[in-house]
Each structure stands twice: as C-alpha cells, then as structure tokens.
C-alpha cells in the first residue's frame, strides 16, 4: 500500500496487477486505420473519469493498453488527424465501456472512425 496526499487529504493507493485491453480501429469501409491516437480513461466514481494514457495504432489498426485497473469501467477514445490540407478530422469511441474483471485480456469491438464535427 502506498500513501499519497491529494488536496491536503491523505489517500491510500493499493496497487493491483492490471489487465490488458486491446482493440482495432477501422474506417467506415472496415479498413484498418494506422497511426490513429487512442486514449483510455477509467471510471473511478459515478461522475469522475481519470485519463490513464494514450498510444497509437499499428499498421493493422491495432492497439493495446497494459496495466489497466481491474474491476473498473474504461472508456476508449480514438482520434485521427487529417493529412496536411486534406480530409476531415476523424473521431471514434467505444460505445459501451469495457469492464476489466481480472488480470486477463479484454477485447473491445472494432472502433469505427467517423467524420468529426
């Protein structure tokens, strides 16, 4: 157990082995989207989400996060910036949060990027 202070109040952190969350980003035609930014947040209360980290998709549009807290709901958000002077900003997200129940691997459904607004 690790002790820390937040806003002047002491808090205790219990570190547990995390799970792995992985998925794939595709465009509206089902083609892999390489080099997209993928960000993950974890729900810590009914109204509070904390950003955990970010990565980029590989050449196959796949991504993975390690050490995802267990027994928490996670939200995954994806962004793909357009090439210089072409296209729209693209955005996608997992519609249903994935709950990491143990130190195993959670697969999320393909995340489809749509034109940004």
PDB file of N, CA and C in Angstrom:
ATOM      1  N   UNK A   1       0.850  -1.165   0.000  1.00  0.00           N
ATOM      2  CA  UNK A   1       0.000   0.000   0.000  1.00  0.00           C
ATOM      3  C   UNK A   1       0.901   1.235   0.000  1.00  0.00           C
ATOM      4  N   UNK A   2       0.529   2.209  -0.788  1.00  0.00           N
ATOM      5  CA  UNK A   2       1.293   3.456  -0.912  1.00  0.00           C
ATOM      6  C   UNK A   2       0.424   4.599  -0.407  1.00  0.00           C
ATOM      7  N   UNK A   3       1.010   5.502   0.362  1.00  0.00           N
ATOM      8  CA  UNK A   3       0.259   6.662   0.830  1.00  0.00           C
ATOM      9  C   UNK A   3       0.628   7.880   0.012  1.00  0.00           C
ATOM     10  N   UNK A   4      -0.341   8.719  -0.257  1.00  0.00           N
ATOM     11  CA  UNK A   4      -0.128   9.947  -1.014  1.00  0.00           C
ATOM     12  C   UNK A   4      -1.062  11.004  -0.463  1.00  0.00           C
ATOM     13  N   UNK A   5      -0.920  12.228  -0.942  1.00  0.00           N
ATOM     14  CA  UNK A   5      -1.782  13.308  -0.497  1.00  0.00           C
ATOM     15  C   UNK A   5      -2.441  13.936  -1.713  1.00  0.00           C
ATOM     16  N   UNK A   6      -3.731  14.193  -1.617  1.00  0.00           N
ATOM     17  CA  UNK A   6      -4.482  14.814  -2.702  1.00  0.00           C
ATOM     18  C   UNK A   6      -5.349  15.902  -2.103  1.00  0.00           C
ATOM     19  N   UNK A   7      -5.125  17.148  -2.504  1.00  0.00           N
ATOM     20  CA  UNK A   7      -5.918  18.257  -1.977  1.00  0.00           C
ATOM     21  C   UNK A   7      -5.795  18.412  -0.478  1.00  0.00           C
ATOM     22  N   UNK A   8      -4.622  18.061   0.077  1.00  0.00           N
ATOM     23  CA  UNK A   8      -4.417  18.203   1.509  1.00  0.00           C
ATOM     24  C   UNK A   8      -4.917  17.026   2.322  1.00  0.00           C
ATOM     25  N   UNK A   9      -5.632  16.102   1.680  1.00  0.00           N
ATOM     26  CA  UNK A   9      -6.163  14.931   2.374  1.00  0.00           C
ATOM     27  C   UNK A   9      -5.303  13.710   2.056  1.00  0.00           C
ATOM     28  N   UNK A  10      -4.915  12.932   3.071  1.00  0.00           N
ATOM     29  CA  UNK A  10      -4.143  11.721   2.785  1.00  0.00           C
ATOM     30  C   UNK A  10      -5.033  10.672   2.117  1.00  0.00           C
ATOM     31  N   UNK A  11      -4.455   9.989   1.147  1.00  0.00           N
ATOM     32  CA  UNK A  11      -5.169   8.887   0.499  1.00  0.00           C
ATOM     33  C   UNK A  11      -4.248   7.682   0.469  1.00  0.00           C
ATOM     34  N   UNK A  12      -4.815   6.501   0.399  1.00  0.00           N
ATOM     35  CA  UNK A  12      -4.028   5.277   0.312  1.00  0.00           C
ATOM     36  C   UNK A  12      -4.265   4.655  -1.055  1.00  0.00           C
ATOM     37  N   UNK A  13      -3.179   4.288  -1.708  1.00  0.00           N
ATOM     38  CA  UNK A  13      -3.260   3.658  -3.015  1.00  0.00           C
ATOM     39  C   UNK A  13      -2.910   2.189  -2.868  1.00  0.00           C
ATOM     40  N   UNK A  14      -3.756   1.329  -3.372  1.00  0.00           N
ATOM     41  CA  UNK A  14      -3.480  -0.098  -3.375  1.00  0.00           C
ATOM     42  C   UNK A  14      -3.212  -0.489  -4.820  1.00  0.00           C
ATOM     43  N   UNK A  15      -1.999  -0.944  -5.088  1.00  0.00           N
ATOM     44  CA  UNK A  15      -1.639  -1.321  -6.448  1.00  0.00           C
ATOM     45  C   UNK A  15      -1.950  -2.796  -6.661  1.00  0.00           C
ATOM     46  N   UNK A  16      -2.688  -3.081  -7.727  1.00  0.00           N
ATOM     47  CA  UNK A  16      -3.021  -4.457  -8.074  1.00  0.00           C
ATOM     48  C   UNK A  16      -2.509  -4.741  -9.474  1.00  0.00           C
ATOM     49  N   UNK A  17      -2.350  -6.006  -9.771  1.00  0.00           N
ATOM     50  CA  UNK A  17      -1.962  -6.378 -11.123  1.00  0.00           C
ATOM     51  C   UNK A  17      -3.080  -5.971 -12.071  1.00  0.00           C
ATOM     52  N   UNK A  18      -2.725  -5.320 -13.150  1.00  0.00           N
ATOM     53  CA  UNK A  18      -3.735  -4.846 -14.094  1.00  0.00           C
ATOM     54  C   UNK A  18      -3.989  -5.827 -15.215  1.00  0.00           C
ATOM     55  N   UNK A  19      -5.038  -5.547 -15.954  1.00  0.00           N
ATOM     56  CA  UNK A  19      -5.371  -6.342 -17.115  1.00  0.00           C
ATOM     57  C   UNK A  19      -4.860  -5.672 -18.372  1.00  0.00           C
ATOM     58  N   UNK A  20      -5.129  -6.292 -19.502  1.00  0.00           N
ATOM     59  CA  UNK A  20      -4.721  -5.742 -20.790  1.00  0.00           C
ATOM     60  C   UNK A  20      -5.982  -5.511 -21.609  1.00  0.00           C
ATOM     61  N   UNK A  21      -6.072  -4.354 -22.240  1.00  0.00           N
ATOM     62  CA  UNK A  21      -7.217  -4.021 -23.073  1.00  0.00           C
ATOM     63  C   UNK A  21      -6.691  -3.772 -24.481  1.00  0.00           C
ATOM     64  N   UNK A  22      -7.274  -4.462 -25.467  1.00  0.00           N
ATOM     65  CA  UNK A  22      -6.805  -4.260 -26.834  1.00  0.00           C
ATOM     66  C   UNK A  22      -7.969  -4.222 -27.800  1.00  0.00           C
ATOM     67  N   UNK A  23      -7.728  -3.612 -28.951  1.00  0.00           N
ATOM     68  CA  UNK A  23      -8.777  -3.491 -29.953  1.00  0.00           C
ATOM     69  C   UNK A  23      -8.193  -3.093 -31.297  1.00  0.00           C
ATOM     70  N   UNK A  24      -9.075  -2.727 -32.212  1.00  0.00           N
ATOM     71  CA  UNK A  24      -8.676  -2.379 -33.575  1.00  0.00           C
ATOM     72  C   UNK A  24      -9.513  -1.199 -34.036  1.00  0.00           C
ATOM     73  N   UNK A  25      -8.887  -0.276 -34.767  1.00  0.00           N
ATOM     74  CA  UNK A  25      -9.567   0.896 -35.296  1.00  0.00           C
ATOM     75  C   UNK A  25      -9.705   0.725 -36.803  1.00  0.00           C
ATOM     76  N   UNK A  26     -10.934   0.939 -37.295  1.00  0.00           N
ATOM     77  CA  UNK A  26     -11.207   0.805 -38.727  1.00  0.00           C
ATOM     78  C   UNK A  26     -11.949   2.040 -39.224  1.00  0.00           C
ATOM     79  N   UNK A  27     -11.920   2.233 -40.557  1.00  0.00           N
ATOM     80  CA  UNK A  27     -12.701   3.323 -41.137  1.00  0.00           C
ATOM     81  C   UNK A  27     -14.096   2.807 -41.468  1.00  0.00           C
ATOM     82  N   UNK A  28     -14.938   3.660 -42.051  1.00  0.00           N
ATOM     83  CA  UNK A  28     -16.331   3.271 -42.310  1.00  0.00           C
ATOM     84  C   UNK A  28     -16.450   2.137 -43.320  1.00  0.00           C
ATOM     85  N   UNK A  29     -15.359   1.856 -44.076  1.00  0.00           N
ATOM     86  CA  UNK A  29     -15.355   0.748 -45.028  1.00  0.00           C
ATOM     87  C   UNK A  29     -14.759  -0.521 -44.432  1.00  0.00           C
ATOM     88  N   UNK A  30     -14.407  -0.479 -43.154  1.00  0.00           N
ATOM     89  CA  UNK A  30     -13.851  -1.652 -42.489  1.00  0.00           C
ATOM     90  C   UNK A  30     -12.352  -1.822 -42.661  1.00  0.00           C
ATOM     91  N   UNK A  31     -11.690  -0.826 -43.250  1.00  0.00           N
ATOM     92  CA  UNK A  31     -10.242  -0.893 -43.453  1.00  0.00           C
ATOM     93  C   UNK A  31      -9.509  -0.407 -42.199  1.00  0.00           C
ATOM     94  N   UNK A  32      -8.377  -1.039 -41.905  1.00  0.00           N
ATOM     95  CA  UNK A  32      -7.569  -0.660 -40.740  1.00  0.00           C
ATOM     96  C   UNK A  32      -7.107   0.788 -40.842  1.00  0.00           C
ATOM     97  N   UNK A  33      -7.061   1.472 -39.693  1.00  0.00           N
ATOM     98  CA  UNK A  33      -6.589   2.861 -39.636  1.00  0.00           C
ATOM     99  C   UNK A  33      -5.278   2.881 -38.843  1.00  0.00           C
ATOM    100  N   UNK A  34      -4.137   2.962 -39.553  1.00  0.00           N
ATOM    101  CA  UNK A  34      -2.862   3.023 -38.840  1.00  0.00           C
ATOM    102  C   UNK A  34      -2.597   4.418 -38.280  1.00  0.00           C
ATOM    103  N   UNK A  35      -1.779   4.472 -37.245  1.00  0.00           N
ATOM    104  CA  UNK A  35      -1.291   5.730 -36.675  1.00  0.00           C
ATOM    105  C   UNK A  35      -2.384   6.635 -36.095  1.00  0.00           C
ATOM    106  N   UNK A  36      -3.504   6.062 -35.677  1.00  0.00           N
ATOM    107  CA  UNK A  36      -4.556   6.838 -35.009  1.00  0.00           C
ATOM    108  C   UNK A  36      -4.202   6.965 -33.525  1.00  0.00           C
ATOM    109  N   UNK A  37      -4.553   8.090 -32.914  1.00  0.00           N
ATOM    110  CA  UNK A  37      -4.326   8.297 -31.482  1.00  0.00           C
ATOM    111  C   UNK A  37      -5.439   7.604 -30.701  1.00  0.00           C
ATOM    112  N   UNK A  38      -5.064   6.769 -29.742  1.00  0.00           N
ATOM    113  CA  UNK A  38      -6.031   6.056 -28.914  1.00  0.00           C
ATOM    114  C   UNK A  38      -5.771   6.444 -27.463  1.00  0.00           C
ATOM    115  N   UNK A  39      -6.817   6.909 -26.782  1.00  0.00           N
ATOM    116  CA  UNK A  39      -6.686   7.346 -25.390  1.00  0.00           C
ATOM    117  C   UNK A  39      -7.627   6.523 -24.525  1.00  0.00           C
ATOM    118  N   UNK A  40      -7.220   6.286 -23.286  1.00  0.00           N
ATOM    119  CA  UNK A  40      -8.036   5.483 -22.377  1.00  0.00           C
ATOM    120  C   UNK A  40      -8.245   6.233 -21.064  1.00  0.00           C
ATOM    121  N   UNK A  41      -9.469   6.134 -20.546  1.00  0.00           N
ATOM    122  CA  UNK A  41      -9.823   6.710 -19.246  1.00  0.00           C
ATOM    123  C   UNK A  41     -10.484   5.628 -18.413  1.00  0.00           C
ATOM    124  N   UNK A  42     -10.396   5.754 -17.109  1.00  0.00           N
ATOM    125  CA  UNK A  42     -11.025   4.800 -16.204  1.00  0.00           C
ATOM    126  C   UNK A  42     -12.031   5.538 -15.333  1.00  0.00           C
ATOM    127  N   UNK A  43     -13.169   4.891 -15.100  1.00  0.00           N
ATOM    128  CA  UNK A  43     -14.215   5.472 -14.262  1.00  0.00           C
ATOM    129  C   UNK A  43     -13.907   5.149 -12.807  1.00  0.00           C
ATOM    130  N   UNK A  44     -13.789   6.202 -11.982  1.00  0.00           N
ATOM    131  CA  UNK A  44     -13.474   5.996 -10.570  1.00  0.00           C
ATOM    132  C   UNK A  44     -14.654   6.297  -9.649  1.00  0.00           C
ATOM    133  N   UNK A  45     -15.673   6.965 -10.180  1.00  0.00           N
ATOM    134  CA  UNK A  45     -16.905   7.201  -9.429  1.00  0.00           C
ATOM    135  C   UNK A  45     -18.016   7.453 -10.446  1.00  0.00           C
ATOM    136  N   UNK A  46     -19.212   7.687  -9.971  1.00  0.00           N
ATOM    137  CA  UNK A  46     -20.340   7.912 -10.879  1.00  0.00           C
ATOM    138  C   UNK A  46     -20.121   9.085 -11.823  1.00  0.00           C
ATOM    139  N   UNK A  47     -19.381  10.078 -11.384  1.00  0.00           N
ATOM    140  CA  UNK A  47     -19.211  11.287 -12.194  1.00  0.00           C
ATOM    141  C   UNK A  47     -17.759  11.603 -12.545  1.00  0.00           C
ATOM    142  N   UNK A  48     -16.828  10.731 -12.158  1.00  0.00           N
ATOM    143  CA  UNK A  48     -15.414  11.052 -12.359  1.00  0.00           C
ATOM    144  C   UNK A  48     -14.696   9.989 -13.179  1.00  0.00           C
ATOM    145  N   UNK A  49     -14.005  10.463 -14.220  1.00  0.00           N
ATOM    146  CA  UNK A  49     -13.154   9.611 -15.056  1.00  0.00           C
ATOM    147  C   UNK A  49     -11.740  10.161 -14.978  1.00  0.00           C
ATOM    148  N   UNK A  50     -10.749   9.287 -14.952  1.00  0.00           N
ATOM    149  CA  UNK A  50      -9.349   9.697 -14.918  1.00  0.00           C
ATOM    150  C   UNK A  50      -8.650   9.170 -16.165  1.00  0.00           C
ATOM    151  N   UNK A  51      -7.893  10.057 -16.822  1.00  0.00           N
ATOM    152  CA  UNK A  51      -7.138   9.690 -18.009  1.00  0.00           C
ATOM    153  C   UNK A  51      -5.999   8.772 -17.597  1.00  0.00           C
ATOM    154  N   UNK A  52      -5.843   7.630 -18.300  1.00  0.00           N
ATOM    155  CA  UNK A  52      -4.788   6.671 -17.966  1.00  0.00           C
ATOM    156  C   UNK A  52      -3.591   6.731 -18.896  1.00  0.00           C
ATOM    157  N   UNK A  53      -3.832   7.020 -20.153  1.00  0.00           N
ATOM    158  CA  UNK A  53      -2.710   7.028 -21.085  1.00  0.00           C
ATOM    159  C   UNK A  53      -3.176   7.073 -22.521  1.00  0.00           C
ATOM    160  N   UNK A  54      -2.195   7.014 -23.416  1.00  0.00           N
ATOM    161  CA  UNK A  54      -2.511   7.030 -24.836  1.00  0.00           C
ATOM    162  C   UNK A  54      -1.470   6.233 -25.599  1.00  0.00           C
ATOM    163  N   UNK A  55      -1.838   5.822 -26.800  1.00  0.00           N
ATOM    164  CA  UNK A  55      -0.953   5.082 -27.682  1.00  0.00           C
ATOM    165  C   UNK A  55      -1.380   5.377 -29.112  1.00  0.00           C
ATOM    166  N   UNK A  56      -0.722   4.764 -30.069  1.00  0.00           N
ATOM    167  CA  UNK A  56      -1.119   4.892 -31.474  1.00  0.00           C
ATOM    168  C   UNK A  56      -1.340   3.504 -32.040  1.00  0.00           C
ATOM    169  N   UNK A  57      -2.224   3.415 -33.028  1.00  0.00           N
ATOM    170  CA  UNK A  57      -2.468   2.130 -33.671  1.00  0.00           C
ATOM    171  C   UNK A  57      -1.276   1.750 -34.542  1.00  0.00           C
ATOM    172  N   UNK A  58      -1.101   0.437 -34.727  1.00  0.00           N
ATOM    173  CA  UNK A  58      -0.023  -0.046 -35.586  1.00  0.00           C
ATOM    174  C   UNK A  58      -0.500  -0.091 -37.042  1.00  0.00           C
ATOM    175  N   UNK A  59       0.276  -0.696 -37.918  1.00  0.00           N
ATOM    176  CA  UNK A  59      -0.054  -0.753 -39.345  1.00  0.00           C
ATOM    177  C   UNK A  59      -1.361  -1.495 -39.611  1.00  0.00           C
ATOM    178  N   UNK A  60      -1.772  -2.385 -38.695  1.00  0.00           N
ATOM    179  CA  UNK A  60      -3.020  -3.139 -38.835  1.00  0.00           C
ATOM    180  C   UNK A  60      -4.194  -2.470 -38.125  1.00  0.00           C
ATOM    181  N   UNK A  61      -3.976  -1.263 -37.592  1.00  0.00           N
ATOM    182  CA  UNK A  61      -5.029  -0.556 -36.874  1.00  0.00           C
ATOM    183  C   UNK A  61      -5.238  -1.058 -35.459  1.00  0.00           C
ATOM    184  N   UNK A  62      -4.332  -1.896 -34.958  1.00  0.00           N
ATOM    185  CA  UNK A  62      -4.498  -2.491 -33.634  1.00  0.00           C
ATOM    186  C   UNK A  62      -3.782  -1.677 -32.558  1.00  0.00           C
ATOM    187  N   UNK A  63      -4.314  -1.758 -31.342  1.00  0.00           N
ATOM    188  CA  UNK A  63      -3.723  -1.069 -30.193  1.00  0.00           C
ATOM    189  C   UNK A  63      -3.885  -1.936 -28.964  1.00  0.00           C
ATOM    190  N   UNK A  64      -3.096  -1.647 -27.936  1.00  0.00           N
ATOM    191  CA  UNK A  64      -3.217  -2.375 -26.669  1.00  0.00           C
ATOM    192  C   UNK A  64      -2.762  -1.475 -25.528  1.00  0.00           C
ATOM    193  N   UNK A  65      -3.418  -1.651 -24.391  1.00  0.00           N
ATOM    194  CA  UNK A  65      -3.016  -0.981 -23.156  1.00  0.00           C
ATOM    195  C   UNK A  65      -2.760  -2.056 -22.113  1.00  0.00           C
ATOM    196  N   UNK A  66      -1.665  -1.932 -21.385  1.00  0.00           N
ATOM    197  CA  UNK A  66      -1.353  -2.849 -20.292  1.00  0.00           C
ATOM    198  C   UNK A  66      -1.627  -2.151 -18.970  1.00  0.00           C
ATOM    199  N   UNK A  67      -1.655  -2.914 -17.913  1.00  0.00           N
ATOM    200  CA  UNK A  67      -1.828  -2.397 -16.554  1.00  0.00           C
ATOM    201  C   UNK A  67      -3.109  -1.584 -16.398  1.00  0.00           C
ATOM    202  N   UNK A  68      -4.177  -2.030 -17.045  1.00  0.00           N
ATOM    203  CA  UNK A  68      -5.482  -1.382 -16.896  1.00  0.00           C
ATOM    204  C   UNK A  68      -6.073  -1.841 -15.563  1.00  0.00           C
ATOM    205  N   UNK A  69      -6.528  -0.918 -14.716  1.00  0.00           N
ATOM    206  CA  UNK A  69      -7.058  -1.307 -13.407  1.00  0.00           C
ATOM    207  C   UNK A  69      -8.200  -2.319 -13.532  1.00  0.00           C
ATOM    208  N   UNK A  70      -8.182  -3.302 -12.648  1.00  0.00           N
ATOM    209  CA  UNK A  70      -9.242  -4.303 -12.660  1.00  0.00           C
ATOM    210  C   UNK A  70     -10.469  -3.772 -11.927  1.00  0.00           C
ATOM    211  N   UNK A  71     -11.602  -4.378 -12.205  1.00  0.00           N
ATOM    212  CA  UNK A  71     -12.873  -4.032 -11.563  1.00  0.00           C
ATOM    213  C   UNK A  71     -13.280  -2.577 -11.778  1.00  0.00           C
ATOM    214  N   UNK A  72     -12.911  -2.002 -12.908  1.00  0.00           N
ATOM    215  CA  UNK A  72     -13.271  -0.621 -13.251  1.00  0.00           C
ATOM    216  C   UNK A  72     -13.760  -0.580 -14.692  1.00  0.00           C
ATOM    217  N   UNK A  73     -14.647   0.359 -14.972  1.00  0.00           N
ATOM    218  CA  UNK A  73     -15.076   0.581 -16.347  1.00  0.00           C
ATOM    219  C   UNK A  73     -14.087   1.517 -17.026  1.00  0.00           C
ATOM    220  N   UNK A  74     -13.748   1.200 -18.267  1.00  0.00           N
ATOM    221  CA  UNK A  74     -12.804   2.021 -19.028  1.00  0.00           C
ATOM    222  C   UNK A  74     -13.467   2.514 -20.300  1.00  0.00           C
ATOM    223  N   UNK A  75     -13.141   3.715 -20.694  1.00  0.00           N
ATOM    224  CA  UNK A  75     -13.614   4.273 -21.954  1.00  0.00           C
ATOM    225  C   UNK A  75     -12.425   4.476 -22.880  1.00  0.00           C
ATOM    226  N   UNK A  76     -12.584   4.105 -24.146  1.00  0.00           N
ATOM    227  CA  UNK A  76     -11.508   4.242 -25.124  1.00  0.00           C
ATOM    228  C   UNK A  76     -11.959   5.224 -26.195  1.00  0.00           C
ATOM    229  N   UNK A  77     -11.133   6.227 -26.467  1.00  0.00           N
ATOM    230  CA  UNK A  77     -11.445   7.263 -27.453  1.00  0.00           C
ATOM    231  C   UNK A  77     -10.353   7.287 -28.507  1.00  0.00           C
ATOM    232  N   UNK A  78     -10.745   7.501 -29.766  1.00  0.00           N
ATOM    233  CA  UNK A  78      -9.794   7.452 -30.875  1.00  0.00           C
ATOM    234  C   UNK A  78      -9.898   8.726 -31.701  1.00  0.00           C
ATOM    235  N   UNK A  79      -8.747   9.240 -32.115  1.00  0.00           N
ATOM    236  CA  UNK A  79      -8.680  10.443 -32.948  1.00  0.00           C
ATOM    237  C   UNK A  79      -7.722  10.186 -34.099  1.00  0.00           C
ATOM    238  N   UNK A  80      -8.047  10.672 -35.273  1.00  0.00           N
ATOM    239  CA  UNK A  80      -7.141  10.596 -36.420  1.00  0.00           C
ATOM    240  C   UNK A  80      -7.154  11.945 -37.101  1.00  0.00           C
ATOM    241  N   UNK A  81      -6.034  12.636 -37.031  1.00  0.00           N
ATOM    242  CA  UNK A  81      -5.935  13.947 -37.664  1.00  0.00           C
ATOM    243  C   UNK A  81      -5.769  13.763 -39.170  1.00  0.00           C
ATOM    244  N   UNK A  82      -6.314  14.676 -39.960  1.00  0.00           N
ATOM    245  CA  UNK A  82      -6.170  14.560 -41.411  1.00  0.00           C
ATOM    246  C   UNK A  82      -4.744  14.856 -41.844  1.00  0.00           C
ATOM    247  N   UNK A  83      -4.423  14.348 -43.039  1.00  0.00           N
ATOM    248  CA  UNK A  83      -3.136  14.713 -43.627  1.00  0.00           C
ATOM    249  C   UNK A  83      -3.187  16.196 -43.938  1.00  0.00           C
ATOM    250  N   UNK A  84      -2.046  16.803 -44.033  1.00  0.00           N
ATOM    251  CA  UNK A  84      -1.976  18.244 -44.262  1.00  0.00           C
ATOM    252  C   UNK A  84      -2.855  18.648 -45.442  1.00  0.00           C
ATOM    253  N   UNK A  85      -3.741  19.606 -45.196  1.00  0.00           N
ATOM    254  CA  UNK A  85      -4.612  20.189 -46.223  1.00  0.00           C
ATOM    255  C   UNK A  85      -5.547  19.192 -46.901  1.00  0.00           C
ATOM    256  N   UNK A  86      -5.889  18.098 -46.217  1.00  0.00           N
ATOM    257  CA  UNK A  86      -6.833  17.186 -46.864  1.00  0.00           C
ATOM    258  C   UNK A  86      -7.666  16.452 -45.823  1.00  0.00           C
ATOM    259  N   UNK A  87      -8.912  16.229 -46.129  1.00  0.00           N
ATOM    260  CA  UNK A  87      -9.770  15.420 -45.290  1.00  0.00           C
ATOM    261  C   UNK A  87     -10.291  16.106 -44.045  1.00  0.00           C
ATOM    262  N   UNK A  88     -11.133  15.379 -43.345  1.00  0.00           N
ATOM    263  CA  UNK A  88     -11.751  15.846 -42.114  1.00  0.00           C
ATOM    264  C   UNK A  88     -11.047  15.217 -40.919  1.00  0.00           C
ATOM    265  N   UNK A  89     -11.191  15.854 -39.790  1.00  0.00           N
ATOM    266  CA  UNK A  89     -10.708  15.287 -38.533  1.00  0.00           C
ATOM    267  C   UNK A  89     -11.634  14.128 -38.191  1.00  0.00           C
ATOM    268  N   UNK A  90     -11.088  12.957 -37.884  1.00  0.00           N
ATOM    269  CA  UNK A  90     -11.902  11.779 -37.604  1.00  0.00           C
ATOM    270  C   UNK A  90     -11.912  11.482 -36.108  1.00  0.00           C
ATOM    271  N   UNK A  91     -13.012  10.905 -35.638  1.00  0.00           N
ATOM    272  CA  UNK A  91     -13.172  10.624 -34.218  1.00  0.00           C
ATOM    273  C   UNK A  91     -13.963   9.334 -34.053  1.00  0.00           C
ATOM    274  N   UNK A  92     -13.643   8.568 -33.043  1.00  0.00           N
ATOM    275  CA  UNK A  92     -14.415   7.365 -32.731  1.00  0.00           C
ATOM    276  C   UNK A  92     -14.302   7.076 -31.252  1.00  0.00           C
ATOM    277  N   UNK A  93     -15.187   6.232 -30.763  1.00  0.00           N
ATOM    278  CA  UNK A  93     -15.108   5.834 -29.363  1.00  0.00           C
ATOM    279  C   UNK A  93     -15.827   4.517 -29.176  1.00  0.00           C
ATOM    280  N   UNK A  94     -15.486   3.823 -28.116  1.00  0.00           N
ATOM    281  CA  UNK A  94     -16.197   2.599 -27.783  1.00  0.00           C
ATOM    282  C   UNK A  94     -17.534   3.013 -27.196  1.00  0.00           C
ATOM    283  N   UNK A  95     -18.629   2.546 -27.792  1.00  0.00           N
ATOM    284  CA  UNK A  95     -19.955   2.930 -27.319  1.00  0.00           C
ATOM    285  C   UNK A  95     -20.269   2.366 -25.943  1.00  0.00           C
ATOM    286  N   UNK A  96     -19.819   1.158 -25.675  1.00  0.00           N
ATOM    287  CA  UNK A  96     -20.050   0.532 -24.377  1.00  0.00           C
ATOM    288  C   UNK A  96     -18.694   0.372 -23.713  1.00  0.00           C
ATOM    289  N   UNK A  97     -18.569   0.856 -22.500  1.00  0.00           N
ATOM    290  CA  UNK A  97     -17.284   0.743 -21.821  1.00  0.00           C
ATOM    291  C   UNK A  97     -16.965  -0.720 -21.553  1.00  0.00           C
ATOM    292  N   UNK A  98     -15.684  -1.018 -21.558  1.00  0.00           N
ATOM    293  CA  UNK A  98     -15.234  -2.387 -21.295  1.00  0.00           C
ATOM    294  C   UNK A  98     -14.871  -2.498 -19.822  1.00  0.00           C
ATOM    295  N   UNK A  99     -15.385  -3.507 -19.169  1.00  0.00           N
ATOM    296  CA  UNK A  99     -15.070  -3.696 -17.755  1.00  0.00           C
ATOM    297  C   UNK A  99     -13.965  -4.736 -17.634  1.00  0.00           C
ATOM    298  N   UNK A 100     -12.840  -4.352 -17.086  1.00  0.00           N
ATOM    299  CA  UNK A 100     -11.722  -5.260 -16.891  1.00  0.00           C
ATOM    300  C   UNK A 100     -11.954  -5.982 -15.570  1.00  0.00           C
ATOM    301  N   UNK A 101     -12.237  -7.275 -15.653  1.00  0.00           N
ATOM    302  CA  UNK A 101     -12.624  -8.026 -14.464  1.00  0.00           C
ATOM    303  C   UNK A 101     -11.452  -8.711 -13.776  1.00  0.00           C
ATOM    304  N   UNK A 102     -10.375  -8.891 -14.465  1.00  0.00           N
ATOM    305  CA  UNK A 102      -9.226  -9.564 -13.870  1.00  0.00           C
ATOM    306  C   UNK A 102      -7.978  -9.221 -14.641  1.00  0.00           C
ATOM    307  N   UNK A 103      -6.919  -9.932 -14.357  1.00  0.00           N
ATOM    308  CA  UNK A 103      -5.639  -9.622 -14.982  1.00  0.00           C
ATOM    309  C   UNK A 103      -5.527 -10.211 -16.382  1.00  0.00           C
ATOM    310  N   UNK A 104      -6.628 -10.646 -16.957  1.00  0.00           N
ATOM    311  CA  UNK A 104      -6.609 -11.198 -18.301  1.00  0.00           C
ATOM    312  C   UNK A 104      -6.651 -10.115 -19.360  1.00  0.00           C
ATOM    313  N   UNK A 105      -7.075 -10.504 -20.551  1.00  0.00           N
ATOM    314  CA  UNK A 105      -7.139  -9.580 -21.680  1.00  0.00           C
ATOM    315  C   UNK A 105      -8.592  -9.313 -22.029  1.00  0.00           C
ATOM    316  N   UNK A 106      -8.945  -8.040 -22.212  1.00  0.00           N
ATOM    317  CA  UNK A 106     -10.280  -7.658 -22.659  1.00  0.00           C
ATOM    318  C   UNK A 106     -10.166  -7.174 -24.093  1.00  0.00           C
ATOM    319  N   UNK A 107     -10.964  -7.766 -24.982  1.00  0.00           N
ATOM    320  CA  UNK A 107     -11.000  -7.340 -26.379  1.00  0.00           C
ATOM    321  C   UNK A 107     -12.199  -6.418 -26.551  1.00  0.00           C
ATOM    322  N   UNK A 108     -11.991  -5.270 -27.185  1.00  0.00           N
ATOM    323  CA  UNK A 108     -13.111  -4.394 -27.499  1.00  0.00           C
ATOM    324  C   UNK A 108     -13.450  -4.566 -28.968  1.00  0.00           C
ATOM    325  N   UNK A 109     -14.694  -4.311 -29.314  1.00  0.00           N
ATOM    326  CA  UNK A 109     -15.128  -4.411 -30.704  1.00  0.00           C
ATOM    327  C   UNK A 109     -14.381  -3.384 -31.541  1.00  0.00           C
ATOM    328  N   UNK A 110     -14.361  -3.602 -32.863  1.00  0.00           N
ATOM    329  CA  UNK A 110     -13.737  -2.622 -33.749  1.00  0.00           C
ATOM    330  C   UNK A 110     -14.316  -1.242 -33.479  1.00  0.00           C
ATOM    331  N   UNK A 111     -13.454  -0.249 -33.445  1.00  0.00           N
ATOM    332  CA  UNK A 111     -13.867   1.142 -33.270  1.00  0.00           C
ATOM    333  C   UNK A 111     -13.866   1.779 -34.647  1.00  0.00           C
ATOM    334  N   UNK A 112     -15.023   2.241 -35.098  1.00  0.00           N
ATOM    335  CA  UNK A 112     -15.158   2.808 -36.438  1.00  0.00           C
ATOM    336  C   UNK A 112     -15.031   4.319 -36.361  1.00  0.00           C
ATOM    337  N   UNK A 113     -14.117   4.877 -37.156  1.00  0.00           N
ATOM    338  CA  UNK A 113     -13.931   6.326 -37.185  1.00  0.00           C
ATOM    339  C   UNK A 113     -14.934   6.966 -38.126  1.00  0.00           C
ATOM    340  N   UNK A 114     -15.512   8.060 -37.691  1.00  0.00           N
ATOM    341  CA  UNK A 114     -16.458   8.840 -38.486  1.00  0.00           C
ATOM    342  C   UNK A 114     -15.913  10.246 -38.652  1.00  0.00           C
ATOM    343  N   UNK A 115     -16.436  10.983 -39.632  1.00  0.00           N
ATOM    344  CA  UNK A 115     -16.017  12.368 -39.827  1.00  0.00           C
ATOM    345  C   UNK A 115     -16.311  13.169 -38.577  1.00  0.00           C
ATOM    346  N   UNK A 116     -15.361  14.017 -38.165  1.00  0.00           N
ATOM    347  CA  UNK A 116     -15.533  14.856 -36.981  1.00  0.00           C
ATOM    348  C   UNK A 116     -16.413  16.044 -37.290  1.00  0.00           C
ATOM    349  N   UNK A 117     -16.931  16.638 -36.254  1.00  0.00           N
ATOM    350  CA  UNK A 117     -17.788  17.812 -36.428  1.00  0.00           C
ATOM    351  C   UNK A 117     -17.153  18.996 -35.781  1.00  0.00           C
TER     352      UNK A 117
END
